[in-house]
N, C-alpha and C. Protein backbone atom coordinates (compact mmCIF):
# COMPACT_ATOMS: atom_id res chain seq x y z
N UNK A 1 -18.44 -69.01 -38.48
CA UNK A 1 -18.63 -67.77 -37.77
C UNK A 1 -18.54 -68.03 -36.28
N UNK A 2 -17.85 -67.17 -35.56
CA UNK A 2 -17.71 -67.37 -34.15
C UNK A 2 -19.04 -67.22 -33.41
N UNK A 3 -19.20 -67.84 -32.22
CA UNK A 3 -20.46 -67.72 -31.50
C UNK A 3 -20.72 -66.31 -30.99
N UNK A 4 -19.70 -65.45 -30.98
CA UNK A 4 -19.91 -64.09 -30.54
C UNK A 4 -20.19 -63.14 -31.69
N UNK A 5 -20.72 -63.67 -32.80
CA UNK A 5 -21.06 -62.85 -33.95
C UNK A 5 -22.05 -61.78 -33.54
N UNK A 6 -21.85 -60.59 -34.10
CA UNK A 6 -22.65 -59.44 -33.74
C UNK A 6 -23.71 -59.14 -34.79
N UNK A 7 -24.66 -58.35 -34.37
CA UNK A 7 -25.63 -57.77 -35.28
C UNK A 7 -25.12 -56.37 -35.57
N UNK A 8 -24.84 -56.08 -36.81
CA UNK A 8 -24.33 -54.78 -37.22
C UNK A 8 -25.48 -53.89 -37.67
N UNK A 9 -25.62 -52.74 -37.00
CA UNK A 9 -26.68 -51.79 -37.34
C UNK A 9 -26.01 -50.64 -38.07
N UNK A 10 -26.50 -50.34 -39.29
CA UNK A 10 -25.85 -49.31 -40.12
C UNK A 10 -26.90 -48.23 -40.44
N UNK A 11 -26.60 -47.00 -39.96
CA UNK A 11 -27.44 -45.86 -40.25
C UNK A 11 -26.61 -44.61 -40.00
N UNK A 12 -26.84 -43.57 -40.79
CA UNK A 12 -26.02 -42.37 -40.63
C UNK A 12 -26.61 -41.38 -39.62
N UNK A 13 -27.75 -41.70 -39.02
CA UNK A 13 -28.37 -40.84 -38.00
C UNK A 13 -28.18 -41.49 -36.62
N UNK A 14 -27.57 -40.75 -35.72
CA UNK A 14 -27.29 -41.27 -34.39
C UNK A 14 -28.57 -41.61 -33.64
N UNK A 15 -29.62 -40.80 -33.78
CA UNK A 15 -30.86 -41.09 -33.05
C UNK A 15 -31.50 -42.39 -33.54
N UNK A 16 -31.39 -42.69 -34.85
CA UNK A 16 -31.91 -43.94 -35.39
C UNK A 16 -31.07 -45.11 -34.88
N UNK A 17 -29.77 -44.96 -34.86
CA UNK A 17 -28.90 -46.03 -34.31
C UNK A 17 -29.27 -46.32 -32.88
N UNK A 18 -29.49 -45.30 -32.08
CA UNK A 18 -29.84 -45.47 -30.67
C UNK A 18 -31.20 -46.19 -30.56
N UNK A 19 -32.17 -45.77 -31.36
CA UNK A 19 -33.51 -46.41 -31.30
C UNK A 19 -33.45 -47.88 -31.70
N UNK A 20 -32.66 -48.19 -32.73
CA UNK A 20 -32.57 -49.58 -33.18
C UNK A 20 -31.81 -50.43 -32.13
N UNK A 21 -30.78 -49.88 -31.55
CA UNK A 21 -30.06 -50.61 -30.49
C UNK A 21 -30.98 -50.86 -29.29
N UNK A 22 -31.79 -49.85 -28.94
CA UNK A 22 -32.73 -50.02 -27.81
C UNK A 22 -33.78 -51.09 -28.13
N UNK A 23 -34.21 -51.14 -29.38
CA UNK A 23 -35.20 -52.14 -29.79
C UNK A 23 -34.64 -53.55 -29.73
N UNK A 24 -33.35 -53.70 -30.07
CA UNK A 24 -32.74 -55.04 -30.15
C UNK A 24 -32.07 -55.47 -28.84
N UNK A 25 -31.82 -54.56 -27.95
CA UNK A 25 -31.10 -54.89 -26.70
C UNK A 25 -31.74 -56.03 -25.91
N UNK A 26 -33.07 -56.10 -25.80
CA UNK A 26 -33.68 -57.20 -25.04
C UNK A 26 -33.35 -58.60 -25.57
N UNK A 27 -32.92 -58.71 -26.81
CA UNK A 27 -32.57 -60.03 -27.36
C UNK A 27 -31.29 -60.60 -26.74
N UNK A 28 -30.43 -59.72 -26.25
CA UNK A 28 -29.20 -60.19 -25.62
C UNK A 28 -28.05 -60.45 -26.57
N UNK A 29 -28.20 -60.15 -27.83
CA UNK A 29 -27.15 -60.36 -28.81
C UNK A 29 -26.15 -59.21 -28.73
N UNK A 30 -24.93 -59.47 -29.17
CA UNK A 30 -23.93 -58.41 -29.22
C UNK A 30 -24.27 -57.50 -30.42
N UNK A 31 -24.23 -56.21 -30.18
CA UNK A 31 -24.58 -55.24 -31.22
C UNK A 31 -23.35 -54.39 -31.55
N UNK A 32 -23.28 -53.99 -32.81
CA UNK A 32 -22.22 -53.09 -33.28
C UNK A 32 -22.90 -52.07 -34.16
N UNK A 33 -22.22 -50.95 -34.40
CA UNK A 33 -22.82 -49.90 -35.21
C UNK A 33 -21.82 -49.37 -36.24
N UNK A 34 -22.38 -48.88 -37.33
CA UNK A 34 -21.59 -48.21 -38.37
C UNK A 34 -22.43 -47.09 -38.92
N UNK A 35 -21.77 -46.03 -39.39
CA UNK A 35 -22.54 -44.87 -39.88
C UNK A 35 -22.43 -44.69 -41.39
N UNK A 36 -21.75 -45.63 -42.07
CA UNK A 36 -21.66 -45.55 -43.52
C UNK A 36 -21.56 -46.97 -44.12
N UNK A 37 -21.85 -47.05 -45.41
CA UNK A 37 -21.73 -48.35 -46.07
C UNK A 37 -20.29 -48.85 -46.10
N UNK A 38 -19.34 -47.95 -46.27
CA UNK A 38 -17.93 -48.34 -46.30
C UNK A 38 -17.47 -48.88 -44.94
N UNK A 39 -17.87 -48.20 -43.89
CA UNK A 39 -17.55 -48.69 -42.53
C UNK A 39 -18.20 -50.05 -42.26
N UNK A 40 -19.41 -50.23 -42.72
CA UNK A 40 -20.12 -51.51 -42.58
C UNK A 40 -19.35 -52.62 -43.29
N UNK A 41 -18.89 -52.36 -44.52
CA UNK A 41 -18.14 -53.38 -45.25
C UNK A 41 -16.86 -53.77 -44.52
N UNK A 42 -16.18 -52.80 -43.95
CA UNK A 42 -14.95 -53.09 -43.20
C UNK A 42 -15.24 -54.00 -42.02
N UNK A 43 -16.33 -53.72 -41.29
CA UNK A 43 -16.64 -54.55 -40.13
C UNK A 43 -17.09 -55.96 -40.56
N UNK A 44 -17.83 -56.04 -41.63
CA UNK A 44 -18.26 -57.36 -42.11
C UNK A 44 -17.06 -58.20 -42.56
N UNK A 45 -16.09 -57.54 -43.20
CA UNK A 45 -14.91 -58.27 -43.70
C UNK A 45 -14.04 -58.77 -42.54
N UNK A 46 -14.17 -58.20 -41.37
CA UNK A 46 -13.41 -58.69 -40.22
C UNK A 46 -13.99 -60.03 -39.74
N UNK A 47 -15.18 -60.39 -40.21
CA UNK A 47 -15.71 -61.75 -40.01
C UNK A 47 -16.47 -61.99 -38.75
N UNK A 48 -16.95 -61.01 -38.05
CA UNK A 48 -17.68 -61.26 -36.84
C UNK A 48 -19.09 -60.68 -36.86
N UNK A 49 -19.69 -60.70 -38.04
CA UNK A 49 -21.06 -60.18 -38.18
C UNK A 49 -21.98 -61.32 -38.56
N UNK A 50 -23.05 -61.47 -37.77
CA UNK A 50 -24.01 -62.54 -38.00
C UNK A 50 -25.29 -62.08 -38.65
N UNK A 51 -25.52 -60.77 -38.67
CA UNK A 51 -26.70 -60.21 -39.32
C UNK A 51 -26.46 -58.72 -39.53
N UNK A 52 -26.96 -58.21 -40.63
CA UNK A 52 -26.75 -56.82 -40.99
C UNK A 52 -28.10 -56.11 -41.05
N UNK A 53 -28.29 -55.07 -40.24
CA UNK A 53 -29.46 -54.23 -40.26
C UNK A 53 -29.01 -52.96 -40.95
N UNK A 54 -29.39 -52.75 -42.21
CA UNK A 54 -28.72 -51.79 -43.08
C UNK A 54 -29.69 -50.77 -43.64
N UNK A 55 -29.39 -49.50 -43.40
CA UNK A 55 -30.22 -48.40 -43.99
C UNK A 55 -29.94 -48.35 -45.48
N UNK A 56 -30.99 -48.12 -46.24
CA UNK A 56 -30.86 -48.06 -47.70
C UNK A 56 -30.01 -46.89 -48.13
N UNK A 57 -30.18 -45.74 -47.51
CA UNK A 57 -29.45 -44.54 -47.89
C UNK A 57 -28.38 -44.24 -46.85
N UNK A 58 -27.18 -44.62 -47.16
CA UNK A 58 -26.04 -44.33 -46.28
C UNK A 58 -25.00 -43.51 -47.06
N UNK A 59 -24.22 -42.70 -46.38
CA UNK A 59 -23.21 -41.92 -47.11
C UNK A 59 -22.18 -42.82 -47.76
N UNK A 60 -21.66 -42.39 -48.87
CA UNK A 60 -20.70 -43.22 -49.58
C UNK A 60 -21.40 -44.34 -50.31
N UNK A 61 -21.11 -45.56 -49.94
CA UNK A 61 -21.73 -46.73 -50.55
C UNK A 61 -23.12 -46.92 -49.97
N UNK A 62 -24.14 -46.94 -50.83
CA UNK A 62 -25.50 -47.09 -50.30
C UNK A 62 -25.80 -48.54 -49.98
N UNK A 63 -26.98 -48.77 -49.37
CA UNK A 63 -27.33 -50.08 -48.87
C UNK A 63 -27.35 -51.18 -49.93
N UNK A 64 -27.92 -50.88 -51.10
CA UNK A 64 -27.99 -51.93 -52.17
C UNK A 64 -26.57 -52.23 -52.67
N UNK A 65 -25.68 -51.26 -52.74
CA UNK A 65 -24.31 -51.52 -53.20
C UNK A 65 -23.57 -52.38 -52.18
N UNK A 66 -23.82 -52.15 -50.91
CA UNK A 66 -23.21 -52.98 -49.86
C UNK A 66 -23.66 -54.42 -50.04
N UNK A 67 -24.95 -54.60 -50.24
CA UNK A 67 -25.46 -56.01 -50.43
C UNK A 67 -24.87 -56.62 -51.68
N UNK A 68 -24.80 -55.86 -52.78
CA UNK A 68 -24.20 -56.41 -54.01
C UNK A 68 -22.78 -56.90 -53.77
N UNK A 69 -22.01 -56.11 -53.03
CA UNK A 69 -20.62 -56.50 -52.74
C UNK A 69 -20.58 -57.75 -51.85
N UNK A 70 -21.40 -57.81 -50.82
CA UNK A 70 -21.42 -58.96 -49.93
C UNK A 70 -21.81 -60.25 -50.65
N UNK A 71 -22.72 -60.16 -51.58
CA UNK A 71 -23.19 -61.36 -52.25
C UNK A 71 -22.16 -61.92 -53.26
N UNK A 72 -21.16 -61.12 -53.61
CA UNK A 72 -20.12 -61.59 -54.52
C UNK A 72 -19.02 -62.41 -53.82
N UNK A 73 -18.92 -62.27 -52.53
CA UNK A 73 -17.84 -62.92 -51.77
C UNK A 73 -18.39 -64.17 -51.05
N UNK A 74 -17.66 -65.28 -51.16
CA UNK A 74 -18.13 -66.51 -50.55
C UNK A 74 -18.34 -66.42 -49.05
N UNK A 75 -17.41 -65.75 -48.34
CA UNK A 75 -17.52 -65.71 -46.89
C UNK A 75 -18.62 -64.80 -46.37
N UNK A 76 -19.20 -63.94 -47.23
CA UNK A 76 -20.25 -63.03 -46.75
C UNK A 76 -21.57 -63.19 -47.49
N UNK A 77 -21.63 -64.06 -48.49
CA UNK A 77 -22.83 -64.10 -49.32
C UNK A 77 -24.07 -64.62 -48.60
N UNK A 78 -23.90 -65.32 -47.48
CA UNK A 78 -25.07 -65.86 -46.78
C UNK A 78 -25.45 -65.09 -45.53
N UNK A 79 -24.78 -63.99 -45.24
CA UNK A 79 -25.12 -63.20 -44.05
C UNK A 79 -26.50 -62.58 -44.30
N UNK A 80 -27.45 -62.77 -43.38
CA UNK A 80 -28.77 -62.18 -43.56
C UNK A 80 -28.70 -60.66 -43.48
N UNK A 81 -29.43 -60.02 -44.37
CA UNK A 81 -29.48 -58.57 -44.42
C UNK A 81 -30.93 -58.12 -44.33
N UNK A 82 -31.21 -57.23 -43.38
CA UNK A 82 -32.52 -56.56 -43.29
C UNK A 82 -32.28 -55.15 -43.74
N UNK A 83 -32.92 -54.77 -44.78
CA UNK A 83 -32.75 -53.42 -45.37
C UNK A 83 -33.81 -52.48 -44.80
N UNK A 84 -33.39 -51.34 -44.30
CA UNK A 84 -34.27 -50.33 -43.74
C UNK A 84 -34.45 -49.17 -44.72
N UNK A 85 -35.69 -48.71 -44.87
CA UNK A 85 -35.92 -47.61 -45.77
C UNK A 85 -36.92 -46.64 -45.14
N UNK A 86 -36.71 -45.36 -45.37
CA UNK A 86 -37.63 -44.34 -44.88
C UNK A 86 -38.66 -43.97 -45.92
N UNK A 87 -38.58 -44.60 -47.07
CA UNK A 87 -39.52 -44.29 -48.14
C UNK A 87 -40.68 -45.26 -48.12
N UNK A 88 -41.76 -44.88 -48.73
CA UNK A 88 -42.92 -45.76 -48.80
C UNK A 88 -42.68 -46.91 -49.74
N UNK A 89 -43.72 -47.68 -50.02
CA UNK A 89 -43.58 -48.85 -50.91
C UNK A 89 -43.05 -48.42 -52.30
N UNK A 90 -42.04 -49.11 -52.74
CA UNK A 90 -41.44 -48.86 -54.05
C UNK A 90 -41.18 -50.20 -54.68
N UNK A 91 -41.92 -50.50 -55.75
CA UNK A 91 -41.84 -51.85 -56.35
C UNK A 91 -40.48 -52.11 -56.96
N UNK A 92 -39.84 -51.09 -57.53
CA UNK A 92 -38.50 -51.30 -58.10
C UNK A 92 -37.47 -51.60 -57.03
N UNK A 93 -37.52 -50.86 -55.92
CA UNK A 93 -36.63 -51.07 -54.81
C UNK A 93 -36.85 -52.47 -54.21
N UNK A 94 -38.10 -52.83 -54.01
CA UNK A 94 -38.44 -54.13 -53.47
C UNK A 94 -37.91 -55.24 -54.35
N UNK A 95 -38.12 -55.12 -55.66
CA UNK A 95 -37.64 -56.11 -56.60
C UNK A 95 -36.13 -56.21 -56.60
N UNK A 96 -35.45 -55.09 -56.58
CA UNK A 96 -33.98 -55.08 -56.58
C UNK A 96 -33.44 -55.67 -55.28
N UNK A 97 -34.04 -55.31 -54.16
CA UNK A 97 -33.55 -55.80 -52.85
C UNK A 97 -33.74 -57.31 -52.74
N UNK A 98 -34.89 -57.81 -53.04
CA UNK A 98 -35.09 -59.27 -52.93
C UNK A 98 -34.36 -60.01 -54.00
N UNK A 99 -34.12 -59.39 -55.15
CA UNK A 99 -33.29 -60.02 -56.18
C UNK A 99 -31.86 -60.21 -55.74
N UNK A 100 -31.39 -59.37 -54.83
CA UNK A 100 -30.03 -59.47 -54.30
C UNK A 100 -29.97 -60.43 -53.09
N UNK A 101 -31.11 -60.93 -52.67
CA UNK A 101 -31.10 -61.87 -51.56
C UNK A 101 -31.25 -61.23 -50.18
N UNK A 102 -31.84 -60.02 -50.15
CA UNK A 102 -32.11 -59.38 -48.87
C UNK A 102 -33.20 -60.19 -48.17
N UNK A 103 -33.00 -60.44 -46.84
CA UNK A 103 -33.94 -61.25 -46.11
C UNK A 103 -35.26 -60.54 -45.87
N UNK A 104 -35.22 -59.22 -45.65
CA UNK A 104 -36.46 -58.48 -45.44
C UNK A 104 -36.21 -57.01 -45.73
N UNK A 105 -37.28 -56.29 -46.04
CA UNK A 105 -37.24 -54.89 -46.30
C UNK A 105 -38.23 -54.23 -45.32
N UNK A 106 -37.71 -53.39 -44.40
CA UNK A 106 -38.52 -52.82 -43.34
C UNK A 106 -38.61 -51.31 -43.53
N UNK A 107 -39.80 -50.78 -43.38
CA UNK A 107 -40.03 -49.34 -43.51
C UNK A 107 -39.93 -48.67 -42.14
N UNK A 108 -39.21 -47.53 -42.10
CA UNK A 108 -39.11 -46.74 -40.87
C UNK A 108 -40.32 -45.81 -40.80
N UNK A 109 -40.81 -45.50 -39.64
CA UNK A 109 -40.35 -45.94 -38.32
C UNK A 109 -40.64 -47.42 -38.09
N UNK A 110 -39.77 -48.05 -37.34
CA UNK A 110 -39.81 -49.51 -37.17
C UNK A 110 -40.60 -49.88 -35.93
N UNK A 111 -41.42 -50.90 -36.04
CA UNK A 111 -42.11 -51.47 -34.89
C UNK A 111 -41.12 -52.34 -34.12
N UNK A 112 -40.73 -51.95 -32.90
CA UNK A 112 -39.67 -52.70 -32.16
C UNK A 112 -39.97 -54.18 -32.00
N UNK A 113 -41.22 -54.52 -31.68
CA UNK A 113 -41.57 -55.93 -31.46
C UNK A 113 -41.40 -56.73 -32.74
N UNK A 114 -41.90 -56.22 -33.86
CA UNK A 114 -41.76 -56.91 -35.14
C UNK A 114 -40.31 -57.04 -35.54
N UNK A 115 -39.52 -55.97 -35.31
CA UNK A 115 -38.12 -56.04 -35.66
C UNK A 115 -37.37 -57.09 -34.85
N UNK A 116 -37.62 -57.12 -33.53
CA UNK A 116 -36.98 -58.14 -32.67
C UNK A 116 -37.32 -59.54 -33.14
N UNK A 117 -38.60 -59.75 -33.49
CA UNK A 117 -39.04 -61.08 -33.94
C UNK A 117 -38.29 -61.50 -35.20
N UNK A 118 -38.21 -60.60 -36.18
CA UNK A 118 -37.54 -60.89 -37.43
C UNK A 118 -36.07 -61.13 -37.20
N UNK A 119 -35.41 -60.27 -36.45
CA UNK A 119 -33.97 -60.36 -36.21
C UNK A 119 -33.66 -61.68 -35.47
N UNK A 120 -34.43 -61.99 -34.44
CA UNK A 120 -34.20 -63.23 -33.68
C UNK A 120 -34.27 -64.43 -34.62
N UNK A 121 -35.31 -64.49 -35.42
CA UNK A 121 -35.48 -65.64 -36.33
C UNK A 121 -34.32 -65.72 -37.34
N UNK A 122 -34.01 -64.62 -37.99
CA UNK A 122 -32.99 -64.63 -39.04
C UNK A 122 -31.60 -64.94 -38.45
N UNK A 123 -31.27 -64.33 -37.32
CA UNK A 123 -29.96 -64.54 -36.70
C UNK A 123 -29.83 -66.00 -36.24
N UNK A 124 -30.80 -66.48 -35.52
CA UNK A 124 -30.76 -67.90 -35.02
C UNK A 124 -30.73 -68.90 -36.16
N UNK A 125 -31.53 -68.67 -37.20
CA UNK A 125 -31.54 -69.60 -38.35
C UNK A 125 -30.18 -69.60 -39.03
N UNK A 126 -29.57 -68.43 -39.15
CA UNK A 126 -28.24 -68.35 -39.80
C UNK A 126 -27.20 -69.07 -38.94
N UNK A 127 -27.24 -68.93 -37.64
CA UNK A 127 -26.30 -69.59 -36.74
C UNK A 127 -26.47 -71.11 -36.84
N UNK A 128 -27.72 -71.58 -36.85
CA UNK A 128 -27.97 -73.04 -36.99
C UNK A 128 -27.43 -73.54 -38.33
N UNK A 129 -27.63 -72.78 -39.38
CA UNK A 129 -27.14 -73.18 -40.69
C UNK A 129 -25.60 -73.27 -40.69
N UNK A 130 -24.92 -72.33 -40.07
CA UNK A 130 -23.48 -72.36 -40.01
C UNK A 130 -22.98 -73.53 -39.15
N UNK A 131 -23.66 -73.81 -38.04
CA UNK A 131 -23.28 -74.95 -37.21
C UNK A 131 -23.44 -76.25 -37.97
N UNK A 132 -24.53 -76.38 -38.68
CA UNK A 132 -24.77 -77.57 -39.47
C UNK A 132 -23.73 -77.74 -40.58
N UNK A 133 -23.39 -76.65 -41.25
CA UNK A 133 -22.37 -76.69 -42.31
C UNK A 133 -21.02 -77.14 -41.73
N UNK A 134 -20.69 -76.66 -40.55
CA UNK A 134 -19.43 -77.02 -39.90
C UNK A 134 -19.42 -78.52 -39.55
N UNK A 135 -20.55 -79.03 -39.06
CA UNK A 135 -20.67 -80.46 -38.74
C UNK A 135 -20.50 -81.30 -40.00
N UNK A 136 -21.10 -80.86 -41.10
CA UNK A 136 -20.96 -81.59 -42.37
C UNK A 136 -19.51 -81.60 -42.84
N UNK A 137 -18.82 -80.46 -42.73
CA UNK A 137 -17.40 -80.40 -43.10
C UNK A 137 -16.57 -81.37 -42.24
N UNK A 138 -16.85 -81.41 -40.94
CA UNK A 138 -16.12 -82.29 -40.04
C UNK A 138 -16.39 -83.75 -40.38
N UNK A 139 -17.62 -84.11 -40.67
CA UNK A 139 -17.93 -85.49 -41.04
C UNK A 139 -17.27 -85.88 -42.36
N UNK A 140 -17.28 -84.96 -43.33
CA UNK A 140 -16.62 -85.27 -44.60
C UNK A 140 -15.12 -85.46 -44.41
N UNK A 141 -14.53 -84.64 -43.54
CA UNK A 141 -13.10 -84.79 -43.27
C UNK A 141 -12.83 -86.14 -42.61
N UNK A 142 -13.69 -86.55 -41.70
CA UNK A 142 -13.49 -87.85 -41.05
C UNK A 142 -13.61 -88.99 -42.06
N UNK A 143 -14.49 -88.87 -43.00
CA UNK A 143 -14.65 -89.93 -44.03
C UNK A 143 -13.44 -89.95 -44.96
N UNK A 144 -12.89 -88.79 -45.26
CA UNK A 144 -11.72 -88.75 -46.15
C UNK A 144 -10.45 -89.25 -45.46
N UNK A 145 -10.30 -88.99 -44.19
CA UNK A 145 -9.09 -89.31 -43.46
C UNK A 145 -9.40 -90.25 -42.29
N UNK A 146 -9.47 -91.55 -42.55
CA UNK A 146 -9.83 -92.49 -41.48
C UNK A 146 -8.78 -92.56 -40.38
N UNK A 147 -7.56 -92.05 -40.58
CA UNK A 147 -6.51 -92.09 -39.56
C UNK A 147 -6.60 -90.93 -38.57
N UNK A 148 -7.48 -89.96 -38.84
CA UNK A 148 -7.60 -88.83 -37.92
C UNK A 148 -8.37 -89.28 -36.69
N UNK A 149 -8.22 -88.55 -35.56
CA UNK A 149 -8.97 -88.91 -34.34
C UNK A 149 -10.45 -88.97 -34.66
N UNK A 150 -11.05 -90.10 -34.29
CA UNK A 150 -12.46 -90.31 -34.60
C UNK A 150 -12.66 -90.37 -36.10
N UNK A 151 -11.62 -90.82 -36.81
CA UNK A 151 -11.56 -90.70 -38.24
C UNK A 151 -12.34 -91.66 -39.07
N UNK A 152 -12.96 -92.61 -38.60
CA UNK A 152 -13.74 -93.44 -39.48
C UNK A 152 -14.31 -94.62 -38.75
N UNK A 153 -15.13 -95.38 -39.44
CA UNK A 153 -15.73 -96.55 -38.81
C UNK A 153 -14.64 -97.51 -38.33
N UNK A 154 -14.78 -97.98 -37.12
CA UNK A 154 -13.81 -98.93 -36.59
C UNK A 154 -12.68 -98.29 -35.82
N UNK A 155 -12.57 -97.00 -35.88
CA UNK A 155 -11.47 -96.31 -35.18
C UNK A 155 -11.73 -96.42 -33.66
N UNK A 156 -10.78 -96.99 -32.90
CA UNK A 156 -11.02 -97.16 -31.46
C UNK A 156 -11.18 -95.81 -30.74
N UNK A 157 -10.71 -94.72 -31.38
CA UNK A 157 -10.89 -93.39 -30.75
C UNK A 157 -12.26 -92.82 -31.04
N UNK A 158 -13.02 -93.47 -31.91
CA UNK A 158 -14.36 -93.00 -32.24
C UNK A 158 -15.23 -93.13 -30.97
N UNK A 159 -15.88 -92.04 -30.55
CA UNK A 159 -16.66 -92.11 -29.30
C UNK A 159 -17.84 -93.06 -29.36
N UNK A 160 -18.22 -93.52 -30.55
CA UNK A 160 -19.32 -94.48 -30.64
C UNK A 160 -18.84 -95.91 -30.48
N UNK A 161 -17.53 -96.13 -30.34
CA UNK A 161 -17.01 -97.46 -30.12
C UNK A 161 -16.62 -98.15 -31.42
N UNK A 162 -16.03 -99.35 -31.29
CA UNK A 162 -15.58 -100.09 -32.49
C UNK A 162 -16.76 -100.54 -33.35
N UNK A 163 -16.50 -100.68 -34.62
CA UNK A 163 -17.50 -101.11 -35.55
C UNK A 163 -17.27 -102.62 -35.91
N UNK A 164 -18.32 -103.30 -36.26
CA UNK A 164 -18.15 -104.69 -36.71
C UNK A 164 -17.41 -104.72 -38.02
N UNK A 165 -16.78 -105.86 -38.33
CA UNK A 165 -16.07 -105.95 -39.61
C UNK A 165 -17.02 -105.75 -40.78
N UNK A 166 -16.48 -105.25 -41.89
CA UNK A 166 -17.30 -105.01 -43.08
C UNK A 166 -17.69 -106.35 -43.68
N UNK A 167 -18.90 -106.37 -44.22
CA UNK A 167 -19.37 -107.57 -44.91
C UNK A 167 -18.92 -107.51 -46.34
N UNK A 168 -18.69 -108.64 -46.88
CA UNK A 168 -18.32 -108.70 -48.30
C UNK A 168 -19.43 -109.40 -49.06
N UNK A 169 -19.37 -109.30 -50.35
CA UNK A 169 -20.38 -109.97 -51.16
C UNK A 169 -19.82 -111.24 -51.79
N UNK A 170 -18.73 -111.76 -51.28
CA UNK A 170 -18.11 -112.98 -51.79
C UNK A 170 -18.99 -114.17 -51.39
N UNK A 171 -19.52 -114.95 -52.39
CA UNK A 171 -20.39 -116.08 -52.06
C UNK A 171 -19.72 -117.14 -51.18
N UNK A 172 -18.40 -117.24 -51.22
CA UNK A 172 -17.71 -118.25 -50.39
C UNK A 172 -17.87 -117.93 -48.90
N UNK A 173 -18.07 -116.63 -48.58
CA UNK A 173 -18.26 -116.25 -47.19
C UNK A 173 -19.62 -116.67 -46.66
N UNK A 174 -20.53 -117.00 -47.56
CA UNK A 174 -21.87 -117.38 -47.17
C UNK A 174 -22.10 -118.90 -47.11
N UNK A 175 -21.07 -119.72 -47.37
CA UNK A 175 -21.23 -121.17 -47.43
C UNK A 175 -21.74 -121.75 -46.13
N UNK A 176 -21.25 -121.25 -45.01
CA UNK A 176 -21.62 -121.83 -43.73
C UNK A 176 -22.76 -121.08 -43.05
N UNK A 177 -23.32 -120.13 -43.76
CA UNK A 177 -24.40 -119.36 -43.16
C UNK A 177 -25.65 -120.20 -43.02
N UNK A 178 -26.28 -120.14 -41.91
CA UNK A 178 -27.50 -120.87 -41.69
C UNK A 178 -28.64 -119.87 -41.68
N UNK A 179 -29.63 -120.18 -42.48
CA UNK A 179 -30.77 -119.30 -42.61
C UNK A 179 -31.97 -119.99 -41.93
N UNK A 180 -32.53 -119.37 -40.93
CA UNK A 180 -33.68 -120.01 -40.27
C UNK A 180 -34.88 -120.05 -41.22
N UNK A 181 -35.59 -121.14 -41.20
CA UNK A 181 -36.76 -121.31 -42.04
C UNK A 181 -37.98 -121.15 -41.16
N UNK A 182 -38.87 -120.31 -41.62
CA UNK A 182 -40.08 -120.10 -40.86
C UNK A 182 -41.17 -120.92 -41.53
N UNK A 183 -41.80 -121.74 -40.74
CA UNK A 183 -42.85 -122.61 -41.29
C UNK A 183 -44.21 -122.22 -40.76
N UNK A 184 -45.17 -122.38 -41.63
CA UNK A 184 -46.56 -122.13 -41.26
C UNK A 184 -47.07 -123.44 -40.65
N UNK A 185 -47.32 -123.45 -39.36
CA UNK A 185 -47.72 -124.68 -38.69
C UNK A 185 -49.19 -124.98 -38.86
N UNK A 186 -49.95 -124.12 -39.45
CA UNK A 186 -51.39 -124.36 -39.63
C UNK A 186 -51.69 -125.12 -40.89
N UNK A 187 -50.81 -125.11 -41.85
CA UNK A 187 -51.09 -125.77 -43.13
C UNK A 187 -50.07 -126.86 -43.39
N UNK A 188 -50.12 -127.43 -44.59
CA UNK A 188 -49.16 -128.48 -44.95
C UNK A 188 -47.75 -127.86 -45.04
N UNK A 189 -46.73 -128.69 -44.82
CA UNK A 189 -45.36 -128.16 -44.87
C UNK A 189 -45.05 -127.63 -46.28
N UNK A 190 -44.28 -126.56 -46.30
CA UNK A 190 -43.88 -125.95 -47.56
C UNK A 190 -42.87 -126.83 -48.25
N UNK A 191 -42.94 -126.90 -49.62
CA UNK A 191 -41.98 -127.74 -50.33
C UNK A 191 -40.57 -127.13 -50.17
N UNK A 192 -39.60 -127.98 -50.11
CA UNK A 192 -38.22 -127.54 -49.96
C UNK A 192 -37.49 -127.73 -51.27
N UNK A 193 -36.51 -126.90 -51.47
CA UNK A 193 -35.72 -126.96 -52.70
C UNK A 193 -34.70 -128.10 -52.55
N UNK A 194 -34.38 -128.75 -53.65
CA UNK A 194 -33.39 -129.82 -53.59
C UNK A 194 -32.02 -129.24 -53.20
N UNK A 195 -31.25 -130.01 -52.48
CA UNK A 195 -29.93 -129.56 -52.02
C UNK A 195 -28.98 -129.43 -53.22
N UNK A 196 -28.11 -128.45 -53.14
CA UNK A 196 -27.17 -128.23 -54.22
C UNK A 196 -26.07 -129.27 -54.11
N UNK A 197 -25.55 -129.73 -55.28
CA UNK A 197 -24.51 -130.76 -55.26
C UNK A 197 -23.21 -130.27 -54.70
């Protein structure tokens, strides 16, 4: 995901969109808006969404259906989703939402401070996870292709410098090895093993 990933706010009421944007503006993240589930899916599929703040009841495709669709696709299944609802506690809704992997379920009206805290944590954690996954992919590629720049141990282009030669387990390589013997000088000398023929 690009570093300019946005937080997508989805609600069909303009006043709610404005209030949510105002609550999140102090974080300094790029914000985008959508007024329906279908519009939200289109923006997410363009690949520049780092977190979805999604109203449960949107025209067309509702919030849970949007989440179901996102979780089926590899490129969108890990995007954090905060689901917004104007209804009171509903155990079935809560169970369905968390069963789909929703990061949080927030009841409107929203406390701006609590929302900022949740969004900051979820967005930053997701960005760190993506950065880490990219580093792992790069390291695996370097291990698979030692001829690529910085491609493997011993590569002179590797920024960590050249590596020592690999050790082998061939006993003939150990014939001339000298092993220092540590002796206890306070007691009698330790018995030594007879020399090999």
